[in-house]
Amino acid sequence: MADNSQRIKEIRKVLQSGLTSSTVDGTTFTYDLDALRSELNQLIREDDNQRLRKRRLTSINISRLF
């Protein structure tokens, strides 16, 4: 059971800002946005807390009722 919600929030924040590089205390960070998007998609697939829909447990065929 993976909980990647913190890393997902960090990646979304960087992607929404649109930054490709930033400098903090003289250290420059360069972001590869395509790699971040790929990582984000992978983390969402693996994360148990990010599921938008529950799995369908059963289906009922009501076409013969009418």
PDB file of N, CA and C in Angstrom:
ATOM      1  N   MET A   1       0.844  -1.170   0.000  1.00  0.00           N
ATOM      2  CA  MET A   1       0.000   0.000   0.000  1.00  0.00           C
ATOM      3  C   MET A   1       0.891   1.236   0.000  1.00  0.00           C
ATOM      4  N   ALA A   2       0.824   1.949  -1.071  1.00  0.00           N
ATOM      5  CA  ALA A   2       1.676   3.126  -1.219  1.00  0.00           C
ATOM      6  C   ALA A   2       0.885   4.396  -0.938  1.00  0.00           C
ATOM      7  N   ASP A   3       1.509   5.296  -0.226  1.00  0.00           N
ATOM      8  CA  ASP A   3       0.930   6.618   0.002  1.00  0.00           C
ATOM      9  C   ASP A   3       1.927   7.645  -0.516  1.00  0.00           C
ATOM     10  N   ASN A   4       1.722   8.046  -1.757  1.00  0.00           N
ATOM     11  CA  ASN A   4       2.631   8.963  -2.427  1.00  0.00           C
ATOM     12  C   ASN A   4       2.081  10.381  -2.470  1.00  0.00           C
ATOM     13  N   SER A   5       1.134  10.697  -1.620  1.00  0.00           N
ATOM     14  CA  SER A   5       0.431  11.973  -1.725  1.00  0.00           C
ATOM     15  C   SER A   5       1.358  13.175  -1.542  1.00  0.00           C
ATOM     16  N   GLN A   6       2.356  13.078  -0.684  1.00  0.00           N
ATOM     17  CA  GLN A   6       3.265  14.207  -0.473  1.00  0.00           C
ATOM     18  C   GLN A   6       4.083  14.485  -1.725  1.00  0.00           C
ATOM     19  N   ARG A   7       4.635  13.438  -2.335  1.00  0.00           N
ATOM     20  CA  ARG A   7       5.436  13.616  -3.557  1.00  0.00           C
ATOM     21  C   ARG A   7       4.548  14.091  -4.712  1.00  0.00           C
ATOM     22  N   ILE A   8       3.325  13.607  -4.776  1.00  0.00           N
ATOM     23  CA  ILE A   8       2.392  14.031  -5.822  1.00  0.00           C
ATOM     24  C   ILE A   8       2.108  15.527  -5.692  1.00  0.00           C
ATOM     25  N   LYS A   9       1.917  16.002  -4.461  1.00  0.00           N
ATOM     26  CA  LYS A   9       1.682  17.435  -4.240  1.00  0.00           C
ATOM     27  C   LYS A   9       2.878  18.260  -4.678  1.00  0.00           C
ATOM     28  N   GLU A  10       4.093  17.791  -4.358  1.00  0.00           N
ATOM     29  CA  GLU A  10       5.302  18.521  -4.735  1.00  0.00           C
ATOM     30  C   GLU A  10       5.443  18.612  -6.250  1.00  0.00           C
ATOM     31  N   ILE A  11       5.210  17.512  -6.943  1.00  0.00           N
ATOM     32  CA  ILE A  11       5.334  17.502  -8.404  1.00  0.00           C
ATOM     33  C   ILE A  11       4.280  18.393  -9.029  1.00  0.00           C
ATOM     34  N   ARG A  12       3.046  18.317  -8.540  1.00  0.00           N
ATOM     35  CA  ARG A  12       1.982  19.168  -9.093  1.00  0.00           C
ATOM     36  C   ARG A  12       2.296  20.645  -8.890  1.00  0.00           C
ATOM     37  N   LYS A  13       2.882  20.988  -7.757  1.00  0.00           N
ATOM     38  CA  LYS A  13       3.243  22.381  -7.482  1.00  0.00           C
ATOM     39  C   LYS A  13       4.276  22.880  -8.485  1.00  0.00           C
ATOM     40  N   VAL A  14       5.273  22.060  -8.774  1.00  0.00           N
ATOM     41  CA  VAL A  14       6.307  22.447  -9.746  1.00  0.00           C
ATOM     42  C   VAL A  14       5.700  22.552 -11.137  1.00  0.00           C
ATOM     43  N   LEU A  15       4.864  21.590 -11.521  1.00  0.00           N
ATOM     44  CA  LEU A  15       4.268  21.607 -12.856  1.00  0.00           C
ATOM     45  C   LEU A  15       3.324  22.793 -13.038  1.00  0.00           C
ATOM     46  N   GLN A  16       2.566  23.133 -12.003  1.00  0.00           N
ATOM     47  CA  GLN A  16       1.642  24.257 -12.098  1.00  0.00           C
ATOM     48  C   GLN A  16       2.375  25.586 -12.163  1.00  0.00           C
ATOM     49  N   SER A  17       3.537  25.662 -11.539  1.00  0.00           N
ATOM     50  CA  SER A  17       4.296  26.910 -11.573  1.00  0.00           C
ATOM     51  C   SER A  17       4.941  27.117 -12.936  1.00  0.00           C
ATOM     52  N   GLY A  18       5.239  26.034 -13.640  1.00  0.00           N
ATOM     53  CA  GLY A  18       5.846  26.144 -14.955  1.00  0.00           C
ATOM     54  C   GLY A  18       7.337  26.423 -14.919  1.00  0.00           C
ATOM     55  N   LEU A  19       7.953  26.329 -13.764  1.00  0.00           N
ATOM     56  CA  LEU A  19       9.382  26.592 -13.642  1.00  0.00           C
ATOM     57  C   LEU A  19      10.187  25.465 -14.282  1.00  0.00           C
ATOM     58  N   THR A  20      11.241  25.833 -14.977  1.00  0.00           N
ATOM     59  CA  THR A  20      12.161  24.828 -15.488  1.00  0.00           C
ATOM     60  C   THR A  20      13.461  24.834 -14.691  1.00  0.00           C
ATOM     61  N   SER A  21      13.714  25.932 -13.951  1.00  0.00           N
ATOM     62  CA  SER A  21      14.879  25.976 -13.069  1.00  0.00           C
ATOM     63  C   SER A  21      14.635  27.004 -11.973  1.00  0.00           C
ATOM     64  N   SER A  22      15.306  26.797 -10.848  1.00  0.00           N
ATOM     65  CA  SER A  22      15.215  27.747  -9.746  1.00  0.00           C
ATOM     66  C   SER A  22      16.532  27.719  -8.981  1.00  0.00           C
ATOM     67  N   THR A  23      16.809  28.815  -8.294  1.00  0.00           N
ATOM     68  CA  THR A  23      18.036  28.925  -7.517  1.00  0.00           C
ATOM     69  C   THR A  23      17.684  29.215  -6.061  1.00  0.00           C
ATOM     70  N   VAL A  24      18.210  28.398  -5.160  1.00  0.00           N
ATOM     71  CA  VAL A  24      17.981  28.559  -3.735  1.00  0.00           C
ATOM     72  C   VAL A  24      19.345  28.534  -3.044  1.00  0.00           C
ATOM     73  N   ASP A  25      19.673  29.625  -2.384  1.00  0.00           N
ATOM     74  CA  ASP A  25      20.943  29.744  -1.659  1.00  0.00           C
ATOM     75  C   ASP A  25      22.149  29.399  -2.537  1.00  0.00           C
ATOM     76  N   GLY A  26      22.117  29.834  -3.766  1.00  0.00           N
ATOM     77  CA  GLY A  26      23.240  29.607  -4.668  1.00  0.00           C
ATOM     78  C   GLY A  26      23.238  28.263  -5.364  1.00  0.00           C
ATOM     79  N   THR A  27      22.294  27.407  -5.046  1.00  0.00           N
ATOM     80  CA  THR A  27      22.190  26.101  -5.686  1.00  0.00           C
ATOM     81  C   THR A  27      21.084  26.160  -6.727  1.00  0.00           C
ATOM     82  N   THR A  28      21.406  25.788  -7.964  1.00  0.00           N
ATOM     83  CA  THR A  28      20.444  25.839  -9.064  1.00  0.00           C
ATOM     84  C   THR A  28      19.841  24.457  -9.285  1.00  0.00           C
ATOM     85  N   PHE A  29      18.513  24.404  -9.331  1.00  0.00           N
ATOM     86  CA  PHE A  29      17.782  23.181  -9.605  1.00  0.00           C
ATOM     87  C   PHE A  29      17.150  23.311 -10.986  1.00  0.00           C
ATOM     88  N   THR A  30      17.341  22.316 -11.828  1.00  0.00           N
ATOM     89  CA  THR A  30      16.741  22.293 -13.154  1.00  0.00           C
ATOM     90  C   THR A  30      15.738  21.146 -13.202  1.00  0.00           C
ATOM     91  N   TYR A  31      14.518  21.447 -13.646  1.00  0.00           N
ATOM     92  CA  TYR A  31      13.446  20.460 -13.696  1.00  0.00           C
ATOM     93  C   TYR A  31      13.205  20.021 -15.127  1.00  0.00           C
ATOM     94  N   ASP A  32      13.104  18.728 -15.330  1.00  0.00           N
ATOM     95  CA  ASP A  32      12.694  18.163 -16.611  1.00  0.00           C
ATOM     96  C   ASP A  32      11.194  17.906 -16.502  1.00  0.00           C
ATOM     97  N   LEU A  33      10.402  18.774 -17.107  1.00  0.00           N
ATOM     98  CA  LEU A  33       8.948  18.708 -16.929  1.00  0.00           C
ATOM     99  C   LEU A  33       8.353  17.426 -17.482  1.00  0.00           C
ATOM    100  N   ASP A  34       8.899  16.917 -18.584  1.00  0.00           N
ATOM    101  CA  ASP A  34       8.384  15.657 -19.137  1.00  0.00           C
ATOM    102  C   ASP A  34       8.642  14.495 -18.180  1.00  0.00           C
ATOM    103  N   ALA A  35       9.822  14.476 -17.567  1.00  0.00           N
ATOM    104  CA  ALA A  35      10.133  13.417 -16.612  1.00  0.00           C
ATOM    105  C   ALA A  35       9.244  13.538 -15.374  1.00  0.00           C
ATOM    106  N   LEU A  36       8.964  14.768 -14.947  1.00  0.00           N
ATOM    107  CA  LEU A  36       8.079  14.966 -13.797  1.00  0.00           C
ATOM    108  C   LEU A  36       6.663  14.500 -14.103  1.00  0.00           C
ATOM    109  N   ARG A  37       6.186  14.770 -15.318  1.00  0.00           N
ATOM    110  CA  ARG A  37       4.839  14.304 -15.703  1.00  0.00           C
ATOM    111  C   ARG A  37       4.780  12.778 -15.691  1.00  0.00           C
ATOM    112  N   SER A  38       5.813  12.148 -16.204  1.00  0.00           N
ATOM    113  CA  SER A  38       5.853  10.680 -16.217  1.00  0.00           C
ATOM    114  C   SER A  38       5.867  10.130 -14.796  1.00  0.00           C
ATOM    115  N   GLU A  39       6.683  10.740 -13.939  1.00  0.00           N
ATOM    116  CA  GLU A  39       6.740  10.299 -12.543  1.00  0.00           C
ATOM    117  C   GLU A  39       5.404  10.512 -11.849  1.00  0.00           C
ATOM    118  N   LEU A  40       4.764  11.643 -12.132  1.00  0.00           N
ATOM    119  CA  LEU A  40       3.463  11.927 -11.534  1.00  0.00           C
ATOM    120  C   LEU A  40       2.435  10.872 -11.936  1.00  0.00           C
ATOM    121  N   ASN A  41       2.384  10.533 -13.219  1.00  0.00           N
ATOM    122  CA  ASN A  41       1.435   9.515 -13.677  1.00  0.00           C
ATOM    123  C   ASN A  41       1.703   8.169 -13.015  1.00  0.00           C
ATOM    124  N   GLN A  42       2.976   7.804 -12.877  1.00  0.00           N
ATOM    125  CA  GLN A  42       3.324   6.546 -12.235  1.00  0.00           C
ATOM    126  C   GLN A  42       2.935   6.555 -10.760  1.00  0.00           C
ATOM    127  N   LEU A  43       3.201   7.654 -10.068  1.00  0.00           N
ATOM    128  CA  LEU A  43       2.860   7.737  -8.646  1.00  0.00           C
ATOM    129  C   LEU A  43       1.357   7.680  -8.428  1.00  0.00           C
ATOM    130  N   ILE A  44       0.594   8.319  -9.309  1.00  0.00           N
ATOM    131  CA  ILE A  44      -0.865   8.289  -9.185  1.00  0.00           C
ATOM    132  C   ILE A  44      -1.381   6.870  -9.390  1.00  0.00           C
ATOM    133  N   ARG A  45      -0.811   6.144 -10.354  1.00  0.00           N
ATOM    134  CA  ARG A  45      -1.238   4.755 -10.572  1.00  0.00           C
ATOM    135  C   ARG A  45      -0.930   3.881  -9.365  1.00  0.00           C
ATOM    136  N   GLU A  46       0.214   4.129  -8.723  1.00  0.00           N
ATOM    137  CA  GLU A  46       0.628   3.308  -7.587  1.00  0.00           C
ATOM    138  C   GLU A  46      -0.024   3.722  -6.276  1.00  0.00           C
ATOM    139  N   ASP A  47      -0.507   4.954  -6.198  1.00  0.00           N
ATOM    140  CA  ASP A  47      -1.008   5.491  -4.933  1.00  0.00           C
ATOM    141  C   ASP A  47      -2.411   4.998  -4.647  1.00  0.00           C
ATOM    142  N   ASP A  48      -2.603   4.515  -3.435  1.00  0.00           N
ATOM    143  CA  ASP A  48      -3.912   4.014  -3.030  1.00  0.00           C
ATOM    144  C   ASP A  48      -4.886   5.140  -2.697  1.00  0.00           C
ATOM    145  N   ASN A  49      -4.382   6.302  -2.326  1.00  0.00           N
ATOM    146  CA  ASN A  49      -5.237   7.408  -1.896  1.00  0.00           C
ATOM    147  C   ASN A  49      -5.707   8.280  -3.050  1.00  0.00           C
ATOM    148  N   GLN A  50      -5.204   8.081  -4.242  1.00  0.00           N
ATOM    149  CA  GLN A  50      -5.553   8.934  -5.378  1.00  0.00           C
ATOM    150  C   GLN A  50      -6.601   8.317  -6.305  1.00  0.00           C
ATOM    151  N   ARG A  51      -7.146   7.200  -5.929  1.00  0.00           N
ATOM    152  CA  ARG A  51      -8.146   6.558  -6.799  1.00  0.00           C
ATOM    153  C   ARG A  51      -9.402   7.414  -6.851  1.00  0.00           C
ATOM    154  N   LEU A  52      -9.797   7.756  -8.054  1.00  0.00           N
ATOM    155  CA  LEU A  52     -10.964   8.617  -8.225  1.00  0.00           C
ATOM    156  C   LEU A  52     -12.265   7.812  -8.226  1.00  0.00           C
ATOM    157  N   ARG A  53     -12.206   6.596  -8.719  1.00  0.00           N
ATOM    158  CA  ARG A  53     -13.401   5.767  -8.786  1.00  0.00           C
ATOM    159  C   ARG A  53     -13.157   4.474  -8.043  1.00  0.00           C
ATOM    160  N   LYS A  54     -14.179   4.000  -7.409  1.00  0.00           N
ATOM    161  CA  LYS A  54     -14.087   2.696  -6.777  1.00  0.00           C
ATOM    162  C   LYS A  54     -14.326   1.634  -7.833  1.00  0.00           C
ATOM    163  N   ARG A  55     -13.764   0.490  -7.597  1.00  0.00           N
ATOM    164  CA  ARG A  55     -13.976  -0.603  -8.526  1.00  0.00           C
ATOM    165  C   ARG A  55     -15.412  -1.095  -8.455  1.00  0.00           C
ATOM    166  N   ARG A  56     -15.945  -1.478  -9.594  1.00  0.00           N
ATOM    167  CA  ARG A  56     -17.314  -1.972  -9.658  1.00  0.00           C
ATOM    168  C   ARG A  56     -17.343  -3.401  -9.133  1.00  0.00           C
ATOM    169  N   LEU A  57     -18.203  -3.639  -8.173  1.00  0.00           N
ATOM    170  CA  LEU A  57     -18.299  -4.963  -7.578  1.00  0.00           C
ATOM    171  C   LEU A  57     -19.265  -5.856  -8.330  1.00  0.00           C
ATOM    172  N   THR A  58     -20.301  -5.269  -8.876  1.00  0.00           N
ATOM    173  CA  THR A  58     -21.300  -6.060  -9.581  1.00  0.00           C
ATOM    174  C   THR A  58     -21.971  -5.209 -10.647  1.00  0.00           C
ATOM    175  N   SER A  59     -22.571  -5.862 -11.603  1.00  0.00           N
ATOM    176  CA  SER A  59     -23.367  -5.154 -12.600  1.00  0.00           C
ATOM    177  C   SER A  59     -24.690  -5.885 -12.748  1.00  0.00           C
ATOM    178  N   ILE A  60     -25.716  -5.124 -12.989  1.00  0.00           N
ATOM    179  CA  ILE A  60     -27.072  -5.676 -13.085  1.00  0.00           C
ATOM    180  C   ILE A  60     -27.603  -5.386 -14.471  1.00  0.00           C
ATOM    181  N   ASN A  61     -28.073  -6.420 -15.151  1.00  0.00           N
ATOM    182  CA  ASN A  61     -28.664  -6.263 -16.469  1.00  0.00           C
ATOM    183  C   ASN A  61     -30.172  -6.073 -16.296  1.00  0.00           C
ATOM    184  N   ILE A  62     -30.641  -4.846 -16.555  1.00  0.00           N
ATOM    185  CA  ILE A  62     -32.066  -4.568 -16.396  1.00  0.00           C
ATOM    186  C   ILE A  62     -32.791  -4.472 -17.734  1.00  0.00           C
ATOM    187  N   SER A  63     -32.130  -4.871 -18.804  1.00  0.00           N
ATOM    188  CA  SER A  63     -32.750  -4.751 -20.129  1.00  0.00           C
ATOM    189  C   SER A  63     -33.932  -5.705 -20.302  1.00  0.00           C
ATOM    190  N   ARG A  64     -34.008  -6.773 -19.573  1.00  0.00           N
ATOM    191  CA  ARG A  64     -35.107  -7.737 -19.706  1.00  0.00           C
ATOM    192  C   ARG A  64     -36.283  -7.419 -18.801  1.00  0.00           C
ATOM    193  N   LEU A  65     -36.188  -6.371 -18.028  1.00  0.00           N
ATOM    194  CA  LEU A  65     -37.276  -6.032 -17.118  1.00  0.00           C
ATOM    195  C   LEU A  65     -38.415  -5.318 -17.825  1.00  0.00           C
ATOM    196  N   PHE A  66     -38.174  -4.751 -18.982  1.00  0.00           N
ATOM    197  CA  PHE A  66     -39.215  -3.979 -19.675  1.00  0.00           C
ATOM    198  C   PHE A  66     -39.820  -4.716 -20.798  1.00  0.00           C
TER     199      PHE A  66
END
